[in-house]
Amino acid sequence: MADPLAVPLIGAHDLAVGRGRCLVRGVTFAVAAGDSWFVVGRNGSGKSTLLATLLGMLPPLAGAVLAPCGGDRAALGYVAQEQRLKLPLPCTVAEFVGSGLPDGLVRGEARRRIEAALATIGIAPLAHQDLRALSSGEARRTLVARAMVRRPRLLVLDEPTANLDPAATARLASDLDRLRAEGVALLHVSHDLGLARRHASHVLFVANGSAQVLAPERLATLDAMEGA
């Protein structure tokens, strides 16, 4: 029997993606448990289109997508780019995180999952804080906690540190490193090359209509990435 930890949690083989016309082709990579992949490239290079295709939001133009978590959507956590916390009624951080729970959990299990997600992302002291009073960094970490409350095996994040100050970026990166140490696979889309060099296990560099797998240390030598 195959080791489930050795089965890729998301990936592609010779994938081509686009919205009406091909933006990126020849994408081949696979994310395993405990990996931290960063998808990097300039604005307009096709990173977001690639991510949407990997998550099943867009059909591939060619090639194959490895279904996230083998098709088990409950094992996938997703934090979208510029996701908002706005709700029609007042809501605490704990209540918002709990809104990500799967259906059918008994009350005690739901409470334990919320408490664990808040603790894992380091925002347990904010549990009873009004969602509307959070800083940008606290809000982004709350979104990650909401994704983690499902106990995913794969966490996908689109520009998770966008518009965060260096201190908030460092706190979120530390939280994500802890998740990876626990075996959660991470797939980031990011413009932050320094963050990728420090925290990636693998890099998928998207440029000029293709995608290349790189070692993180290679980013420092790529002049083409300046200003990405």
Protein backbone atom coordinates (compact mmCIF):
# COMPACT_ATOMS: atom_id res chain seq x y z
CA MET A 1 0.00 0.00 0.00
CA ALA A 2 1.33 3.46 -0.91
CA ASP A 3 2.44 5.75 1.90
CA PRO A 4 -0.19 8.54 2.02
CA LEU A 5 2.49 11.00 3.14
CA ALA A 6 4.38 10.32 -0.11
CA VAL A 7 1.38 11.13 -2.33
CA PRO A 8 1.53 14.68 -3.75
CA LEU A 9 -1.08 16.99 -2.21
CA ILE A 10 -1.25 19.30 -5.23
CA GLY A 11 0.71 19.73 -8.43
CA ALA A 12 0.68 19.51 -12.20
CA HIS A 13 2.23 17.73 -15.18
CA ASP A 14 3.00 19.65 -18.38
CA LEU A 15 0.17 22.04 -17.50
CA ALA A 16 -0.84 25.01 -19.65
CA VAL A 17 -3.08 27.71 -18.18
CA GLY A 18 -4.75 30.89 -19.37
CA ARG A 19 -7.93 32.90 -19.70
CA GLY A 20 -8.76 32.69 -23.38
CA ARG A 21 -5.08 32.64 -24.37
CA CYS A 22 -2.20 30.67 -22.90
CA LEU A 23 -0.27 32.55 -20.20
CA VAL A 24 1.93 29.78 -18.78
CA ARG A 25 2.81 26.36 -20.22
CA GLY A 26 4.94 23.39 -19.27
CA VAL A 27 4.17 23.56 -15.54
CA THR A 28 5.34 20.40 -13.75
CA PHE A 29 5.75 20.17 -9.98
CA ALA A 30 4.36 18.32 -6.95
CA VAL A 31 3.85 19.40 -3.33
CA ALA A 32 4.35 16.82 -0.59
CA ALA A 33 3.56 16.87 3.15
CA GLY A 34 5.83 19.32 4.97
CA ASP A 35 6.86 21.19 1.81
CA SER A 36 6.75 24.97 1.58
CA TRP A 37 6.44 25.98 -2.08
CA PHE A 38 6.50 29.60 -3.24
CA VAL A 39 5.14 30.58 -6.67
CA VAL A 40 6.93 33.80 -7.62
CA GLY A 41 7.01 36.07 -10.66
CA ARG A 42 6.19 39.53 -11.95
CA ASN A 43 2.70 41.03 -12.04
CA GLY A 44 0.86 39.63 -15.07
CA SER A 45 3.13 36.59 -15.35
CA GLY A 46 0.20 34.22 -14.76
CA LYS A 47 0.68 33.26 -11.10
CA SER A 48 -2.94 33.87 -10.08
CA THR A 49 -4.25 32.11 -13.20
CA LEU A 50 -2.03 29.13 -12.40
CA LEU A 51 -3.32 29.01 -8.84
CA ALA A 52 -6.96 29.24 -9.98
CA THR A 53 -6.37 26.33 -12.35
CA LEU A 54 -4.68 24.22 -9.68
CA LEU A 55 -7.68 24.80 -7.37
CA GLY A 56 -10.21 23.86 -10.06
CA MET A 57 -11.56 27.39 -10.57
CA LEU A 58 -10.39 27.42 -14.21
CA PRO A 59 -10.05 24.53 -16.66
CA PRO A 60 -6.53 23.67 -17.85
CA LEU A 61 -5.70 24.45 -21.47
CA ALA A 62 -3.47 21.36 -21.66
CA GLY A 63 -1.75 18.88 -19.40
CA ALA A 64 -2.94 17.57 -16.07
CA VAL A 65 -3.66 18.91 -12.59
CA LEU A 66 -3.10 16.73 -9.53
CA ALA A 67 -6.36 17.19 -7.64
CA PRO A 68 -5.71 18.94 -4.31
CA CYS A 69 -5.45 16.38 -1.52
CA GLY A 70 -6.58 13.64 -3.88
CA GLY A 71 -9.95 15.33 -4.29
CA ASP A 72 -10.63 15.56 -0.55
CA ARG A 73 -11.66 19.22 -0.33
CA ALA A 74 -11.99 18.97 3.45
CA ALA A 75 -8.21 18.52 3.64
CA LEU A 76 -7.58 21.80 1.80
CA GLY A 77 -7.31 25.20 3.47
CA TYR A 78 -7.32 28.31 1.27
CA VAL A 79 -6.66 31.97 2.08
CA ALA A 80 -7.50 34.13 -0.93
CA GLN A 81 -5.70 37.32 -1.90
CA GLU A 82 -7.22 40.46 -0.32
CA GLN A 83 -9.91 38.40 1.41
CA ARG A 84 -12.09 40.63 3.56
CA LEU A 85 -13.29 40.18 7.14
CA LYS A 86 -16.43 42.28 6.70
CA LEU A 87 -19.58 40.70 8.10
CA PRO A 88 -23.12 42.10 8.35
CA LEU A 89 -23.20 41.65 12.16
CA PRO A 90 -20.65 42.13 14.95
CA CYS A 91 -18.42 39.08 15.29
CA THR A 92 -15.55 38.02 17.53
CA VAL A 93 -12.35 36.47 16.27
CA ALA A 94 -13.34 33.09 17.73
CA GLU A 95 -16.76 33.23 16.07
CA PHE A 96 -15.21 34.09 12.71
CA VAL A 97 -12.65 31.29 12.97
CA GLY A 98 -15.47 28.91 13.91
CA SER A 99 -17.33 29.83 10.71
CA GLY A 100 -14.72 27.76 8.86
CA LEU A 101 -15.56 24.53 10.69
CA PRO A 102 -16.96 21.58 8.74
CA ASP A 103 -20.59 20.73 9.36
CA GLY A 104 -21.68 18.12 11.86
CA LEU A 105 -19.14 18.59 14.66
CA VAL A 106 -20.36 18.24 18.24
CA ARG A 107 -20.01 21.39 20.35
CA GLY A 108 -17.03 20.18 22.38
CA GLU A 109 -15.04 19.17 19.31
CA ALA A 110 -15.88 22.46 17.59
CA ARG A 111 -14.63 24.41 20.62
CA ARG A 112 -11.40 22.39 20.77
CA ARG A 113 -10.71 22.99 17.10
CA ILE A 114 -11.28 26.74 17.42
CA GLU A 115 -9.01 26.96 20.46
CA ALA A 116 -6.31 24.90 18.71
CA ALA A 117 -6.42 27.04 15.56
CA LEU A 118 -6.20 30.26 17.56
CA ALA A 119 -3.25 28.90 19.56
CA THR A 120 -1.43 27.55 16.49
CA ILE A 121 -1.58 30.93 14.75
CA GLY A 122 -0.72 32.75 17.97
CA ILE A 123 -3.92 34.78 18.33
CA ALA A 124 -5.56 33.06 21.32
CA PRO A 125 -5.52 36.37 23.30
CA LEU A 126 -7.69 37.88 20.54
CA ALA A 127 -10.44 35.25 20.80
CA HIS A 128 -13.06 37.67 22.15
CA GLN A 129 -11.84 40.72 20.21
CA ASP A 130 -14.30 42.39 17.82
CA LEU A 131 -13.26 41.46 14.29
CA ARG A 132 -13.61 45.08 13.18
CA ALA A 133 -10.94 46.25 15.64
CA LEU A 134 -8.10 44.09 14.27
CA SER A 135 -4.95 45.44 12.65
CA SER A 136 -4.07 44.28 9.12
CA GLY A 137 -1.60 41.74 10.48
CA GLU A 138 -4.07 40.39 13.05
CA ALA A 139 -6.76 40.14 10.36
CA ARG A 140 -4.49 38.16 8.04
CA ARG A 141 -3.55 35.74 10.82
CA THR A 142 -7.25 35.36 11.68
CA LEU A 143 -7.94 34.36 8.07
CA VAL A 144 -5.21 31.72 8.31
CA ALA A 145 -6.69 30.43 11.58
CA ARG A 146 -10.09 30.14 9.90
CA ALA A 147 -8.51 27.99 7.19
CA MET A 148 -6.64 25.91 9.80
CA VAL A 149 -9.74 25.12 11.86
CA ARG A 150 -10.58 22.45 9.27
CA ARG A 151 -7.24 20.77 10.09
CA PRO A 152 -6.10 20.73 6.45
CA ARG A 153 -3.17 18.77 5.13
CA LEU A 154 -2.54 21.47 2.52
CA LEU A 155 -2.75 25.24 3.05
CA VAL A 156 -2.82 27.48 -0.05
CA LEU A 157 -2.16 31.20 0.44
CA ASP A 158 -2.39 33.91 -2.22
CA GLU A 159 -0.12 36.87 -1.31
CA PRO A 160 -0.45 36.23 2.46
CA THR A 161 1.89 39.07 3.47
CA ALA A 162 0.68 41.73 1.02
CA ASN A 163 0.48 45.18 2.67
CA LEU A 164 1.80 43.90 6.00
CA ASP A 165 4.59 45.69 7.84
CA PRO A 166 7.85 43.77 8.48
CA ALA A 167 6.89 42.82 12.06
CA ALA A 168 3.49 41.42 11.01
CA THR A 169 5.11 39.61 8.09
CA ALA A 170 7.66 38.00 10.42
CA ARG A 171 4.94 36.85 12.86
CA LEU A 172 2.85 35.30 10.11
CA ALA A 173 5.91 33.61 8.58
CA SER A 174 6.78 32.14 11.98
CA ASP A 175 3.22 30.82 12.34
CA LEU A 176 3.44 29.17 8.92
CA ASP A 177 6.82 27.64 9.72
CA ARG A 178 5.26 25.96 12.76
CA LEU A 179 2.49 24.52 10.59
CA ARG A 180 5.04 23.15 8.17
CA ALA A 181 6.97 21.57 11.04
CA GLU A 182 3.76 19.76 11.97
CA GLY A 183 3.55 18.28 8.45
CA VAL A 184 1.14 20.73 6.80
CA ALA A 185 2.10 21.41 3.18
CA LEU A 186 2.17 25.08 2.16
CA LEU A 187 1.72 26.60 -1.29
CA HIS A 188 2.23 30.39 -1.40
CA VAL A 189 1.82 32.85 -4.21
CA SER A 190 4.06 35.76 -3.24
CA HIS A 191 5.91 38.83 -4.51
CA ASP A 192 8.23 38.78 -1.49
CA LEU A 193 11.44 37.21 -2.76
CA GLY A 194 13.22 37.69 0.56
CA LEU A 195 10.42 35.77 2.28
CA ALA A 196 10.72 33.00 -0.31
CA ARG A 197 14.50 32.74 0.16
CA ARG A 198 14.09 32.44 3.93
CA HIS A 199 11.07 30.15 4.16
CA ALA A 200 10.66 28.15 0.93
CA SER A 201 11.68 24.54 0.51
CA HIS A 202 10.99 24.86 -3.24
CA VAL A 203 10.29 27.73 -5.65
CA LEU A 204 8.24 27.77 -8.85
CA PHE A 205 9.47 30.77 -10.89
CA VAL A 206 6.90 31.96 -13.46
CA ALA A 207 8.26 34.14 -16.27
CA ASN A 208 8.04 34.52 -20.05
CA GLY A 209 5.18 32.06 -20.38
CA SER A 210 6.82 29.17 -18.57
CA ALA A 211 7.44 27.92 -15.03
CA GLN A 212 10.76 26.67 -13.68
CA VAL A 213 11.41 24.82 -10.41
CA LEU A 214 14.28 26.45 -8.51
CA ALA A 215 16.16 26.03 -5.27
CA PRO A 216 15.32 29.03 -3.02
CA GLU A 217 18.92 30.26 -2.98
CA ARG A 218 18.77 30.74 -6.76
CA LEU A 219 16.41 33.70 -6.31
CA ALA A 220 19.28 35.88 -5.17
CA THR A 221 21.02 35.46 -8.52
CA LEU A 222 18.07 36.07 -10.85
CA ASP A 223 18.34 39.60 -12.20
CA ALA A 224 15.09 39.00 -14.08
CA MET A 225 13.25 38.95 -10.78
CA GLU A 226 14.12 42.54 -9.88
CA GLY A 227 10.95 44.50 -9.27
CA ALA A 228 8.71 41.40 -9.31
